[in-house]
Amino acid sequence: MNYLKPNHDFLLKRLETGEGRLRMVLDTDTYNEIDDQFAVVHALLSPERLQVEALYAAPFHNDRSSSPQEGMERSYEEILRLLDRLERSSEEFVYKGSTSFMTTPNHPLESSAAEDLIQRASEAAPNDPLYVVAVGAITNVASAILLAPEIVQKIVVVWLGGQPFHWPQTKEFNLGQDPHSARVIFDSGVPLLRVPCHGVASHLLTSLPELKEYIEGKSAIGDYLVKIFQDYTSDHYAYAKEIWDVAAVAWLINESWISSKILPSPLLNDDFIWGRDPSRHPVREATFVHRNPIFRDLFQKISEDGK
């Protein structure tokens, strides 16, 4: 695949989060775990900073789905449940994504989500990119780039996927399900803000007692988030759960909550070991997540939603 050659200065400018209100879409495997739900809610309850234009259901396959297609369908249904509790309309707002992962390199998978992303990206003004926040396998986003390579000039991808660049291996769930799509993102020259998981997003821990104290009884969506958290495990004694995906949304709400650095775009080898080439185009990688202000902001917004 011949991508557009990335311009170094253009990328460095785009790797600084924009000012004012940002146009964004959110690509999410919402039923995969319980963290996507918190990320969706945080984005939708932050209109002062984020103009959320669409939600895309991403495929996933684990013990909560029998196939990537069922994972995508269940994610779509979960998005609708969240919108219902937030009293938001889903019409022309929620789109189904791919029913499978890429099985061969540079082979895009068409979907309503990819089609909508291409359309919205094409409408972006030169100095007002569309932020594409992805918190699952990045199949839908990579497919859109392969179908319309010119959109790399119109978007900024914020992806929670893989491990830190210094980690011995990077077979994390989001990246490991669709490595072909991950390589598209790393190789295409698209402006990329990446949130690694272990040692970074893994700082976003919360517990059932904390959620009960701060968001239970405050709003319909707060009660729903407490319920799915409580149902996730039968043993909550001295237990805290990572709410990883909130990091990607939080980065756009307030960049001071996420420490980061500029690195050459990584090479993803077949054994899921990072390859290094200092001549590669730059990307920005999160190095630390400041947990307290992120959860304070999220909990306050959930509480205010019920007023």
Protein backbone atom coordinates (compact mmCIF):
# COMPACT_ATOMS: atom_id res chain seq x y z
CA MET A 1 0.00 0.00 0.00
CA ASN A 2 1.42 3.39 -0.99
CA TYR A 3 0.46 5.90 1.69
CA LEU A 4 0.83 9.63 1.40
CA LYS A 5 4.33 10.59 2.54
CA PRO A 6 3.97 12.20 5.98
CA ASN A 7 5.29 15.71 6.45
CA HIS A 8 7.38 15.93 9.64
CA ASP A 9 6.40 19.50 10.58
CA PHE A 10 2.73 18.84 9.81
CA LEU A 11 2.75 15.79 12.08
CA LEU A 12 4.46 17.59 14.97
CA LYS A 13 1.81 20.31 14.82
CA ARG A 14 -1.01 17.77 14.77
CA LEU A 15 0.52 15.85 17.68
CA GLU A 16 -0.30 18.79 19.94
CA THR A 17 -3.93 18.58 21.04
CA GLY A 18 -5.98 21.35 19.52
CA GLU A 19 -7.52 24.34 21.26
CA GLY A 20 -11.19 25.07 21.70
CA ARG A 21 -13.93 22.53 21.04
CA LEU A 22 -12.78 19.43 19.16
CA ARG A 23 -14.76 17.44 16.61
CA MET A 24 -14.48 13.75 17.42
CA VAL A 25 -15.87 10.28 16.79
CA LEU A 26 -15.45 7.33 19.15
CA ASP A 27 -14.75 3.78 17.93
CA THR A 28 -15.45 1.30 20.72
CA ASP A 29 -15.82 -2.43 21.43
CA THR A 30 -18.25 -1.38 24.12
CA TYR A 31 -19.36 -4.82 25.38
CA ASN A 32 -15.86 -6.30 25.53
CA GLU A 33 -15.32 -5.25 29.14
CA ILE A 34 -16.71 -2.47 31.35
CA ASP A 35 -14.23 0.34 30.71
CA ASP A 36 -15.53 1.40 27.29
CA GLN A 37 -18.81 2.41 28.89
CA PHE A 38 -17.03 4.87 31.16
CA ALA A 39 -15.14 6.32 28.19
CA VAL A 40 -18.32 6.77 26.13
CA VAL A 41 -20.03 8.49 29.04
CA HIS A 42 -17.05 10.77 29.74
CA ALA A 43 -16.96 11.89 26.10
CA LEU A 44 -20.69 12.55 25.88
CA LEU A 45 -20.76 14.46 29.17
CA SER A 46 -17.92 16.79 28.09
CA PRO A 47 -19.57 19.02 25.46
CA GLU A 48 -17.56 22.03 26.64
CA ARG A 49 -14.52 20.42 25.00
CA LEU A 50 -15.72 17.56 22.78
CA GLN A 51 -18.22 17.67 19.95
CA VAL A 52 -19.00 13.95 19.67
CA GLU A 53 -20.40 13.41 16.18
CA ALA A 54 -20.69 9.61 15.99
CA LEU A 55 -20.12 6.37 17.85
CA TYR A 56 -18.81 3.29 15.99
CA ALA A 57 -19.20 -0.30 17.20
CA ALA A 58 -15.92 -2.22 16.85
CA PRO A 59 -15.52 -6.02 16.60
CA PHE A 60 -14.06 -8.10 19.42
CA HIS A 61 -13.79 -11.80 20.24
CA ASN A 62 -13.38 -13.20 23.75
CA ASP A 63 -15.52 -15.00 26.33
CA ARG A 64 -18.17 -12.27 25.99
CA SER A 65 -18.77 -13.01 22.29
CA SER A 66 -18.71 -16.06 20.03
CA SER A 67 -17.15 -14.21 17.09
CA PRO A 68 -15.92 -10.75 16.07
CA GLN A 69 -19.29 -10.17 14.40
CA GLU A 70 -21.22 -10.96 17.57
CA GLY A 71 -18.80 -8.79 19.53
CA MET A 72 -19.53 -5.86 17.22
CA GLU A 73 -23.29 -6.46 17.43
CA ARG A 74 -23.19 -6.66 21.22
CA SER A 75 -21.12 -3.50 21.34
CA TYR A 76 -23.71 -1.75 19.17
CA GLU A 77 -26.47 -2.84 21.54
CA GLU A 78 -24.47 -1.69 24.56
CA ILE A 79 -24.01 1.75 23.01
CA LEU A 80 -27.80 1.99 22.64
CA ARG A 81 -28.26 1.08 26.31
CA LEU A 82 -25.87 3.84 27.34
CA LEU A 83 -27.62 6.41 25.17
CA ASP A 84 -30.98 5.39 26.57
CA ARG A 85 -29.81 6.07 30.13
CA LEU A 86 -28.29 9.36 29.02
CA GLU A 87 -31.54 10.21 27.22
CA ARG A 88 -29.68 10.72 23.94
CA SER A 89 -30.93 9.82 20.48
CA SER A 90 -29.07 7.16 18.51
CA GLU A 91 -30.48 8.17 15.12
CA GLU A 92 -27.70 8.96 12.61
CA PHE A 93 -25.26 8.80 15.52
CA VAL A 94 -24.39 5.12 16.06
CA TYR A 95 -22.89 3.01 13.26
CA LYS A 96 -22.06 -0.67 13.00
CA GLY A 97 -18.47 -1.52 12.24
CA SER A 98 -16.69 -4.46 10.67
CA THR A 99 -17.93 -8.00 11.32
CA SER A 100 -14.39 -9.44 11.26
CA PHE A 101 -10.73 -8.50 11.61
CA MET A 102 -8.31 -8.02 8.72
CA THR A 103 -6.95 -11.44 7.75
CA THR A 104 -4.47 -10.22 5.14
CA PRO A 105 -2.32 -7.07 5.05
CA ASN A 106 -3.82 -3.88 3.62
CA HIS A 107 -7.20 -5.49 2.92
CA PRO A 108 -9.87 -3.00 4.06
CA LEU A 109 -13.21 -4.17 5.42
CA GLU A 110 -16.17 -2.05 4.41
CA SER A 111 -18.73 -1.07 7.03
CA SER A 112 -21.14 1.71 7.89
CA ALA A 113 -18.63 2.97 10.46
CA ALA A 114 -15.75 3.18 7.97
CA GLU A 115 -18.01 4.87 5.42
CA ASP A 116 -19.20 7.46 7.94
CA LEU A 117 -15.64 8.13 9.12
CA ILE A 118 -14.49 8.82 5.56
CA GLN A 119 -17.39 11.20 5.01
CA ARG A 120 -16.85 13.14 8.24
CA ALA A 121 -13.09 13.30 7.73
CA SER A 122 -13.53 14.66 4.22
CA GLU A 123 -15.55 17.55 5.67
CA ALA A 124 -12.81 18.59 8.11
CA ALA A 125 -11.31 22.04 7.62
CA PRO A 126 -7.51 22.24 7.14
CA ASN A 127 -6.92 23.59 10.67
CA ASP A 128 -9.77 21.74 12.37
CA PRO A 129 -9.09 17.98 12.14
CA LEU A 130 -11.51 15.26 13.14
CA TYR A 131 -10.25 13.43 16.22
CA VAL A 132 -10.80 9.68 15.92
CA VAL A 133 -10.70 8.10 19.37
CA ALA A 134 -10.38 4.31 19.21
CA VAL A 135 -10.50 2.07 22.28
CA GLY A 136 -10.69 -1.39 20.70
CA ALA A 137 -9.26 -3.28 17.76
CA ILE A 138 -8.62 -0.53 15.23
CA THR A 139 -10.16 -2.34 12.25
CA ASN A 140 -12.75 0.30 11.36
CA VAL A 141 -10.25 3.17 11.40
CA ALA A 142 -7.56 1.31 9.46
CA SER A 143 -10.12 0.24 6.86
CA ALA A 144 -11.24 3.82 6.35
CA ILE A 145 -7.61 4.90 5.81
CA LEU A 146 -7.05 2.12 3.27
CA LEU A 147 -10.26 2.99 1.43
CA ALA A 148 -9.49 6.73 1.40
CA PRO A 149 -5.78 7.36 2.15
CA GLU A 150 -6.23 11.11 1.77
CA ILE A 151 -8.06 11.30 5.10
CA VAL A 152 -4.75 11.01 6.99
CA GLN A 153 -4.42 14.76 6.29
CA LYS A 154 -7.81 15.41 7.92
CA ILE A 155 -7.79 13.30 11.10
CA VAL A 156 -5.88 12.70 14.32
CA VAL A 157 -6.10 9.17 15.73
CA VAL A 158 -6.09 8.68 19.51
CA TRP A 159 -5.73 4.95 20.14
CA LEU A 160 -5.53 2.91 23.30
CA GLY A 161 -3.61 -0.12 22.07
CA GLY A 162 -0.42 -2.07 22.63
CA GLN A 163 2.17 -1.80 25.37
CA PRO A 164 4.80 0.93 25.90
CA PHE A 165 7.58 1.18 23.35
CA HIS A 166 10.09 -0.09 25.94
CA TRP A 167 7.95 -3.14 26.86
CA PRO A 168 9.43 -6.56 25.99
CA GLN A 169 6.37 -7.57 23.95
CA THR A 170 3.18 -5.85 22.89
CA LYS A 171 0.48 -8.50 22.40
CA GLU A 172 -2.18 -6.53 24.21
CA PHE A 173 -5.88 -7.28 23.54
CA ASN A 174 -6.75 -4.38 21.23
CA LEU A 175 -3.57 -4.63 19.16
CA GLY A 176 -3.35 -8.44 19.25
CA GLN A 177 -6.79 -9.04 17.78
CA ASP A 178 -5.97 -7.25 14.54
CA PRO A 179 -2.23 -6.68 14.01
CA HIS A 180 -2.78 -6.00 10.30
CA SER A 181 -4.90 -2.96 11.18
CA ALA A 182 -2.38 -1.85 13.79
CA ARG A 183 0.36 -1.85 11.13
CA VAL A 184 -1.81 0.33 8.89
CA ILE A 185 -2.03 2.91 11.67
CA PHE A 186 1.71 2.80 12.41
CA ASP A 187 2.78 2.86 8.75
CA SER A 188 0.27 5.26 7.17
CA GLY A 189 1.69 8.49 8.58
CA VAL A 190 -1.62 9.42 10.22
CA PRO A 191 -1.11 11.74 13.23
CA LEU A 192 -1.24 9.33 16.17
CA LEU A 193 -1.59 9.85 19.91
CA ARG A 194 -1.18 6.36 21.44
CA VAL A 195 -2.07 5.28 24.96
CA PRO A 196 -0.20 2.10 25.98
CA CYS A 197 -1.81 -0.18 28.52
CA HIS A 198 0.52 -1.66 31.16
CA GLY A 199 2.22 0.98 33.26
CA VAL A 200 0.21 3.81 31.71
CA ALA A 201 -3.56 3.33 31.30
CA SER A 202 -3.33 0.67 34.02
CA HIS A 203 -3.09 3.51 36.58
CA LEU A 204 -6.79 4.23 36.04
CA LEU A 205 -8.02 2.02 38.87
CA THR A 206 -11.30 2.37 40.73
CA SER A 207 -13.29 0.20 43.11
CA LEU A 208 -16.90 -0.60 43.93
CA PRO A 209 -16.88 1.34 47.25
CA GLU A 210 -15.56 4.42 45.43
CA LEU A 211 -18.19 4.19 42.71
CA LYS A 212 -20.96 3.68 45.22
CA GLU A 213 -19.78 6.72 47.17
CA TYR A 214 -19.53 9.12 44.24
CA ILE A 215 -21.89 8.12 41.42
CA GLU A 216 -24.49 5.64 42.72
CA GLY A 217 -27.88 7.28 43.13
CA LYS A 218 -26.72 10.43 41.35
CA SER A 219 -28.04 9.67 37.84
CA ALA A 220 -29.40 6.85 35.69
CA ILE A 221 -26.09 6.42 33.95
CA GLY A 222 -24.24 6.44 37.26
CA ASP A 223 -26.40 3.60 38.56
CA TYR A 224 -25.82 1.63 35.36
CA LEU A 225 -22.04 1.97 35.58
CA VAL A 226 -22.08 0.86 39.21
CA LYS A 227 -24.18 -2.18 38.28
CA ILE A 228 -21.94 -3.40 35.46
CA PHE A 229 -18.89 -2.86 37.65
CA GLN A 230 -20.45 -4.83 40.48
CA ASP A 231 -21.52 -7.64 38.14
CA TYR A 232 -18.07 -7.93 36.56
CA THR A 233 -16.66 -9.99 39.43
CA SER A 234 -18.12 -11.81 42.41
CA ASP A 235 -15.28 -10.84 44.76
CA HIS A 236 -14.83 -7.13 45.45
CA TYR A 237 -12.75 -7.52 48.60
CA ALA A 238 -9.64 -5.33 48.23
CA TYR A 239 -10.41 -5.27 44.50
CA ALA A 240 -9.82 -2.44 42.04
CA LYS A 241 -10.44 -2.58 38.29
CA GLU A 242 -8.60 -0.78 35.48
CA ILE A 243 -10.87 1.54 33.54
CA TRP A 244 -8.26 1.78 30.80
CA ASP A 245 -10.25 3.34 27.98
CA VAL A 246 -11.07 6.57 29.81
CA ALA A 247 -7.45 7.62 29.21
CA ALA A 248 -7.97 8.16 25.47
CA VAL A 249 -10.93 10.48 25.99
CA ALA A 250 -9.32 12.24 28.96
CA TRP A 251 -6.28 13.14 26.83
CA LEU A 252 -8.48 15.31 24.63
CA ILE A 253 -10.45 16.83 27.50
CA ASN A 254 -7.31 18.04 29.29
CA GLU A 255 -3.86 17.22 27.95
CA SER A 256 -2.25 18.05 31.32
CA TRP A 257 -3.75 14.82 32.68
CA ILE A 258 -1.55 12.75 30.35
CA SER A 259 2.25 12.94 30.26
CA SER A 260 3.70 12.00 26.87
CA LYS A 261 6.70 12.08 24.54
CA ILE A 262 7.44 12.09 20.82
CA LEU A 263 8.86 8.85 19.37
CA PRO A 264 9.44 7.39 15.90
CA SER A 265 6.42 5.38 14.82
CA PRO A 266 7.05 1.79 15.95
CA LEU A 267 7.43 -1.21 13.69
CA LEU A 268 5.21 -4.13 14.67
CA ASN A 269 7.00 -7.44 14.09
CA ASP A 270 5.23 -10.76 13.61
CA ASP A 271 6.31 -11.91 17.09
CA PHE A 272 4.72 -8.79 18.64
CA ILE A 273 8.11 -7.34 19.52
CA TRP A 274 8.52 -3.67 18.72
CA GLY A 275 10.94 -2.84 15.94
CA ARG A 276 12.81 0.47 15.97
CA ASP A 277 13.77 2.76 13.12
CA PRO A 278 14.74 6.34 14.08
CA SER A 279 14.00 7.54 10.54
CA ARG A 280 10.29 6.75 10.90
CA HIS A 281 7.74 9.56 11.13
CA PRO A 282 6.90 10.87 14.64
CA VAL A 283 4.02 9.77 16.86
CA ARG A 284 3.16 10.78 20.42
CA GLU A 285 3.04 8.13 23.14
CA ALA A 286 1.51 8.57 26.60
CA THR A 287 3.95 7.78 29.39
CA PHE A 288 1.87 8.43 32.52
CA VAL A 289 -1.80 8.97 33.36
CA HIS A 290 -2.71 11.28 36.25
CA ARG A 291 -5.51 9.25 37.73
CA ASN A 292 -7.08 11.58 40.31
CA PRO A 293 -8.12 14.59 38.17
CA ILE A 294 -9.50 12.26 35.50
CA PHE A 295 -11.82 10.40 37.86
CA ARG A 296 -12.75 13.62 39.68
CA ASP A 297 -13.89 15.13 36.38
CA LEU A 298 -15.75 11.98 35.33
CA PHE A 299 -17.52 11.50 38.66
CA GLN A 300 -18.60 15.16 38.83
CA LYS A 301 -20.07 15.03 35.33
CA ILE A 302 -21.94 11.79 36.03
CA SER A 303 -23.38 13.31 39.22
CA GLU A 304 -24.43 16.49 37.43
CA ASP A 305 -26.16 14.50 34.68
CA GLY A 306 -28.91 13.55 37.13
CA LYS A 307 -29.65 17.13 38.22
